[in-house]
Amino acid sequence: MATTSPRSALHLASTLLTATVALYMALVAFGNITDFGTNQAFVQHVLAMDTTFKDDDLMWRAVTSEGLQDAAYVAIIVWEVIAALVLVYGTWLWFRRDDSHARRFSTYGLLMVMLLFGAGFIAIGGEWFSMWQSEDWNGLDAALRVFLLSGVVLVVVQLPSGER
């Protein structure tokens, strides 16, 4: 009966979990590039705050310039593409068993994802632009899922491997 050492099990977990987030980010970026208009509308509505409670004390935050809205959306897509590429590279390094570099690049990519979904979508979109008030354009649940998934993967990637 074959046994798996804790190091190889942790290595496998780190590899597959990093690959999972890399795949997810690649699919998100691909979808946003090939179906540009769908999430462009999402970003436009969130930034315009046009489906919130429209409280006068908050509406000064709204960004109604289509140019700025589109620039924000393109910046999000570029960030997603870079995060996906960093995570793909981290996955490749895990497969090569270059654990120290794999851990570093996986960490960079996972932090990029967590910044996008945590700071970008949950904090800025959810709170600054009051996305939580919208019944139609509220992406907080999805953002939280991705943020938590990435956080769990980051914890696994950071577990000590027993190497010196």
C-alpha atoms as a PDB file:
ATOM      1  CA  MET A   1       0.000   0.000   0.000  1.00  0.00           C
ATOM      2  CA  ALA A   2       1.457   3.337  -1.063  1.00  0.00           C
ATOM      3  CA  THR A   3       1.611   6.112   1.462  1.00  0.00           C
ATOM      4  CA  THR A   4       1.617   9.803   0.803  1.00  0.00           C
ATOM      5  CA  SER A   5       3.924  11.962   2.859  1.00  0.00           C
ATOM      6  CA  PRO A   6       2.473  15.111   4.405  1.00  0.00           C
ATOM      7  CA  ARG A   7       4.836  17.165   2.226  1.00  0.00           C
ATOM      8  CA  SER A   8       3.616  15.633  -1.009  1.00  0.00           C
ATOM      9  CA  ALA A   9      -0.040  15.927   0.062  1.00  0.00           C
ATOM     10  CA  LEU A  10       0.462  19.605   0.885  1.00  0.00           C
ATOM     11  CA  HIS A  11       2.305  20.098  -2.404  1.00  0.00           C
ATOM     12  CA  LEU A  12      -0.570  18.467  -4.301  1.00  0.00           C
ATOM     13  CA  ALA A  13      -3.138  20.593  -2.443  1.00  0.00           C
ATOM     14  CA  SER A  14      -1.198  23.782  -3.156  1.00  0.00           C
ATOM     15  CA  THR A  15      -0.823  22.858  -6.811  1.00  0.00           C
ATOM     16  CA  LEU A  16      -4.457  21.967  -7.412  1.00  0.00           C
ATOM     17  CA  LEU A  17      -5.917  24.826  -5.396  1.00  0.00           C
ATOM     18  CA  THR A  18      -3.683  27.386  -7.097  1.00  0.00           C
ATOM     19  CA  ALA A  19      -4.663  25.874 -10.445  1.00  0.00           C
ATOM     20  CA  THR A  20      -8.341  26.158  -9.490  1.00  0.00           C
ATOM     21  CA  VAL A  21      -8.107  29.883  -8.780  1.00  0.00           C
ATOM     22  CA  ALA A  22      -5.958  30.356 -11.896  1.00  0.00           C
ATOM     23  CA  LEU A  23      -8.621  28.642 -13.993  1.00  0.00           C
ATOM     24  CA  TYR A  24     -11.367  30.691 -12.395  1.00  0.00           C
ATOM     25  CA  MET A  25      -9.562  33.990 -13.022  1.00  0.00           C
ATOM     26  CA  ALA A  26      -8.707  32.999 -16.589  1.00  0.00           C
ATOM     27  CA  LEU A  27     -12.371  32.198 -17.262  1.00  0.00           C
ATOM     28  CA  VAL A  28     -13.529  35.444 -15.651  1.00  0.00           C
ATOM     29  CA  ALA A  29     -11.080  37.476 -17.750  1.00  0.00           C
ATOM     30  CA  PHE A  30     -11.963  35.521 -20.894  1.00  0.00           C
ATOM     31  CA  GLY A  31     -15.673  36.094 -20.288  1.00  0.00           C
ATOM     32  CA  ASN A  32     -15.193  39.798 -19.699  1.00  0.00           C
ATOM     33  CA  ILE A  33     -13.154  40.139 -22.880  1.00  0.00           C
ATOM     34  CA  THR A  34     -15.377  38.042 -25.152  1.00  0.00           C
ATOM     35  CA  ASP A  35     -18.680  39.280 -23.664  1.00  0.00           C
ATOM     36  CA  PHE A  36     -17.529  42.796 -22.870  1.00  0.00           C
ATOM     37  CA  GLY A  37     -20.974  44.355 -22.614  1.00  0.00           C
ATOM     38  CA  THR A  38     -22.496  42.164 -19.896  1.00  0.00           C
ATOM     39  CA  ASN A  39     -20.211  43.101 -17.034  1.00  0.00           C
ATOM     40  CA  GLN A  40     -19.622  46.540 -18.520  1.00  0.00           C
ATOM     41  CA  ALA A  41     -23.289  47.231 -17.733  1.00  0.00           C
ATOM     42  CA  PHE A  42     -22.710  45.931 -14.195  1.00  0.00           C
ATOM     43  CA  VAL A  43     -19.770  48.286 -13.644  1.00  0.00           C
ATOM     44  CA  GLN A  44     -21.679  51.210 -15.164  1.00  0.00           C
ATOM     45  CA  HIS A  45     -24.701  50.707 -12.891  1.00  0.00           C
ATOM     46  CA  VAL A  46     -22.598  50.259  -9.761  1.00  0.00           C
ATOM     47  CA  LEU A  47     -20.499  53.362 -10.451  1.00  0.00           C
ATOM     48  CA  ALA A  48     -23.519  55.443 -11.488  1.00  0.00           C
ATOM     49  CA  MET A  49     -25.354  54.318  -8.340  1.00  0.00           C
ATOM     50  CA  ASP A  50     -28.546  54.484 -10.394  1.00  0.00           C
ATOM     51  CA  THR A  51     -30.236  51.539  -8.654  1.00  0.00           C
ATOM     52  CA  THR A  52     -29.392  52.529  -5.074  1.00  0.00           C
ATOM     53  CA  PHE A  53     -31.635  54.392  -2.628  1.00  0.00           C
ATOM     54  CA  LYS A  54     -30.412  57.643  -4.265  1.00  0.00           C
ATOM     55  CA  ASP A  55     -29.798  59.350  -0.956  1.00  0.00           C
ATOM     56  CA  ASP A  56     -28.594  62.906  -1.614  1.00  0.00           C
ATOM     57  CA  ASP A  57     -25.872  62.446   0.999  1.00  0.00           C
ATOM     58  CA  LEU A  58     -24.381  59.592  -1.049  1.00  0.00           C
ATOM     59  CA  MET A  59     -25.099  60.401  -4.679  1.00  0.00           C
ATOM     60  CA  TRP A  60     -22.175  62.823  -4.936  1.00  0.00           C
ATOM     61  CA  ARG A  61     -20.006  59.675  -5.061  1.00  0.00           C
ATOM     62  CA  ALA A  62     -21.594  58.489  -8.310  1.00  0.00           C
ATOM     63  CA  VAL A  63     -19.402  58.298 -11.412  1.00  0.00           C
ATOM     64  CA  THR A  64     -21.604  58.981 -14.418  1.00  0.00           C
ATOM     65  CA  SER A  65     -18.915  59.601 -17.023  1.00  0.00           C
ATOM     66  CA  GLU A  66     -19.020  56.703 -19.490  1.00  0.00           C
ATOM     67  CA  GLY A  67     -15.329  57.247 -20.206  1.00  0.00           C
ATOM     68  CA  LEU A  68     -14.410  56.810 -16.531  1.00  0.00           C
ATOM     69  CA  GLN A  69     -16.760  53.851 -16.183  1.00  0.00           C
ATOM     70  CA  ASP A  70     -15.194  52.151 -19.207  1.00  0.00           C
ATOM     71  CA  ALA A  71     -11.677  52.937 -17.967  1.00  0.00           C
ATOM     72  CA  ALA A  72     -12.516  51.332 -14.614  1.00  0.00           C
ATOM     73  CA  TYR A  73     -13.897  48.250 -16.358  1.00  0.00           C
ATOM     74  CA  VAL A  74     -10.845  47.901 -18.613  1.00  0.00           C
ATOM     75  CA  ALA A  75      -8.577  48.297 -15.559  1.00  0.00           C
ATOM     76  CA  ILE A  76     -10.505  45.489 -13.825  1.00  0.00           C
ATOM     77  CA  ILE A  77     -10.069  43.222 -16.865  1.00  0.00           C
ATOM     78  CA  VAL A  78      -6.337  43.984 -17.098  1.00  0.00           C
ATOM     79  CA  TRP A  79      -5.974  43.197 -13.377  1.00  0.00           C
ATOM     80  CA  GLU A  80      -7.864  39.907 -13.876  1.00  0.00           C
ATOM     81  CA  VAL A  81      -5.645  38.919 -16.811  1.00  0.00           C
ATOM     82  CA  ILE A  82      -2.445  39.669 -14.895  1.00  0.00           C
ATOM     83  CA  ALA A  83      -3.692  37.806 -11.801  1.00  0.00           C
ATOM     84  CA  ALA A  84      -4.629  34.803 -13.959  1.00  0.00           C
ATOM     85  CA  LEU A  85      -1.198  34.784 -15.627  1.00  0.00           C
ATOM     86  CA  VAL A  86       0.617  35.046 -12.289  1.00  0.00           C
ATOM     87  CA  LEU A  87      -1.464  32.162 -10.917  1.00  0.00           C
ATOM     88  CA  VAL A  88      -0.894  30.054 -14.024  1.00  0.00           C
ATOM     89  CA  TYR A  89       2.835  30.657 -13.624  1.00  0.00           C
ATOM     90  CA  GLY A  90       2.585  29.745  -9.931  1.00  0.00           C
ATOM     91  CA  THR A  91       0.758  26.528 -10.877  1.00  0.00           C
ATOM     92  CA  TRP A  92       3.465  25.699 -13.422  1.00  0.00           C
ATOM     93  CA  LEU A  93       6.113  26.225 -10.731  1.00  0.00           C
ATOM     94  CA  TRP A  94       4.211  23.895  -8.375  1.00  0.00           C
ATOM     95  CA  PHE A  95       4.181  21.253 -11.128  1.00  0.00           C
ATOM     96  CA  ARG A  96       7.955  21.719 -11.559  1.00  0.00           C
ATOM     97  CA  ARG A  97       8.326  21.261  -7.778  1.00  0.00           C
ATOM     98  CA  ASP A  98       9.962  24.661  -7.399  1.00  0.00           C
ATOM     99  CA  ASP A  99       8.084  25.173  -4.156  1.00  0.00           C
ATOM    100  CA  SER A 100       9.711  28.391  -2.944  1.00  0.00           C
ATOM    101  CA  HIS A 101       9.071  30.234  -6.212  1.00  0.00           C
ATOM    102  CA  ALA A 102       5.652  28.602  -6.598  1.00  0.00           C
ATOM    103  CA  ARG A 103       4.677  29.784  -3.135  1.00  0.00           C
ATOM    104  CA  ARG A 104       5.868  33.323  -3.915  1.00  0.00           C
ATOM    105  CA  PHE A 105       4.046  33.643  -7.248  1.00  0.00           C
ATOM    106  CA  SER A 106       0.921  31.920  -5.951  1.00  0.00           C
ATOM    107  CA  THR A 107       0.902  34.382  -3.074  1.00  0.00           C
ATOM    108  CA  TYR A 108       1.236  37.336  -5.440  1.00  0.00           C
ATOM    109  CA  GLY A 109      -1.593  36.081  -7.649  1.00  0.00           C
ATOM    110  CA  LEU A 110      -3.883  35.208  -4.754  1.00  0.00           C
ATOM    111  CA  LEU A 111      -3.294  38.604  -3.160  1.00  0.00           C
ATOM    112  CA  MET A 112      -4.151  40.244  -6.485  1.00  0.00           C
ATOM    113  CA  VAL A 113      -7.444  38.338  -6.534  1.00  0.00           C
ATOM    114  CA  MET A 114      -8.167  39.202  -2.909  1.00  0.00           C
ATOM    115  CA  LEU A 115      -7.412  42.886  -3.513  1.00  0.00           C
ATOM    116  CA  LEU A 116      -9.702  42.983  -6.543  1.00  0.00           C
ATOM    117  CA  PHE A 117     -12.612  41.222  -4.885  1.00  0.00           C
ATOM    118  CA  GLY A 118     -12.036  42.500  -1.331  1.00  0.00           C
ATOM    119  CA  ALA A 119     -10.883  46.084  -1.772  1.00  0.00           C
ATOM    120  CA  GLY A 120     -12.358  46.598  -5.238  1.00  0.00           C
ATOM    121  CA  PHE A 121     -15.730  44.919  -5.199  1.00  0.00           C
ATOM    122  CA  ILE A 122     -16.593  44.523  -1.499  1.00  0.00           C
ATOM    123  CA  ALA A 123     -15.131  47.750  -0.079  1.00  0.00           C
ATOM    124  CA  ILE A 124     -15.249  50.221  -2.967  1.00  0.00           C
ATOM    125  CA  GLY A 125     -18.188  48.798  -4.929  1.00  0.00           C
ATOM    126  CA  GLY A 126     -20.152  47.570  -1.931  1.00  0.00           C
ATOM    127  CA  GLU A 127     -19.616  50.438   0.469  1.00  0.00           C
ATOM    128  CA  TRP A 128     -18.344  53.496  -1.381  1.00  0.00           C
ATOM    129  CA  PHE A 129     -20.766  53.075  -4.291  1.00  0.00           C
ATOM    130  CA  SER A 130     -23.448  51.475  -2.057  1.00  0.00           C
ATOM    131  CA  MET A 131     -23.800  48.399  -4.251  1.00  0.00           C
ATOM    132  CA  TRP A 132     -25.458  46.663  -1.285  1.00  0.00           C
ATOM    133  CA  GLN A 133     -28.502  48.890  -1.810  1.00  0.00           C
ATOM    134  CA  SER A 134     -29.164  47.582  -5.315  1.00  0.00           C
ATOM    135  CA  GLU A 135     -31.488  44.643  -5.885  1.00  0.00           C
ATOM    136  CA  ASP A 136     -30.365  44.310  -9.515  1.00  0.00           C
ATOM    137  CA  TRP A 137     -26.626  45.110  -9.484  1.00  0.00           C
ATOM    138  CA  ASN A 138     -25.371  43.684  -6.196  1.00  0.00           C
ATOM    139  CA  GLY A 139     -22.318  41.481  -6.590  1.00  0.00           C
ATOM    140  CA  LEU A 140     -21.332  41.286  -2.940  1.00  0.00           C
ATOM    141  CA  ASP A 141     -22.178  37.594  -2.452  1.00  0.00           C
ATOM    142  CA  ALA A 142     -20.155  36.549  -5.491  1.00  0.00           C
ATOM    143  CA  ALA A 143     -17.247  38.795  -4.478  1.00  0.00           C
ATOM    144  CA  LEU A 144     -17.251  37.357  -0.965  1.00  0.00           C
ATOM    145  CA  ARG A 145     -17.177  33.787  -2.310  1.00  0.00           C
ATOM    146  CA  VAL A 146     -14.121  34.517  -4.466  1.00  0.00           C
ATOM    147  CA  PHE A 147     -12.421  36.468  -1.680  1.00  0.00           C
ATOM    148  CA  LEU A 148     -12.907  33.595   0.798  1.00  0.00           C
ATOM    149  CA  LEU A 149     -11.862  30.920  -1.709  1.00  0.00           C
ATOM    150  CA  SER A 150      -8.682  32.825  -2.471  1.00  0.00           C
ATOM    151  CA  GLY A 151      -8.034  33.333   1.241  1.00  0.00           C
ATOM    152  CA  VAL A 152      -8.347  29.624   1.971  1.00  0.00           C
ATOM    153  CA  VAL A 153      -5.988  28.810  -0.907  1.00  0.00           C
ATOM    154  CA  LEU A 154      -3.538  31.435   0.371  1.00  0.00           C
ATOM    155  CA  VAL A 155      -3.537  29.793   3.812  1.00  0.00           C
ATOM    156  CA  VAL A 156      -2.860  26.369   2.269  1.00  0.00           C
ATOM    157  CA  VAL A 157      -0.063  27.769   0.083  1.00  0.00           C
ATOM    158  CA  GLN A 158       1.528  29.371   3.162  1.00  0.00           C
ATOM    159  CA  LEU A 159       1.517  26.227   5.315  1.00  0.00           C
ATOM    160  CA  PRO A 160       5.040  25.174   6.245  1.00  0.00           C
ATOM    161  CA  SER A 161       6.293  22.411   4.025  1.00  0.00           C
ATOM    162  CA  GLY A 162       8.823  21.026   6.467  1.00  0.00           C
ATOM    163  CA  GLU A 163      11.724  22.179   4.303  1.00  0.00           C
ATOM    164  CA  ARG A 164      14.541  24.239   5.728  1.00  0.00           C
END
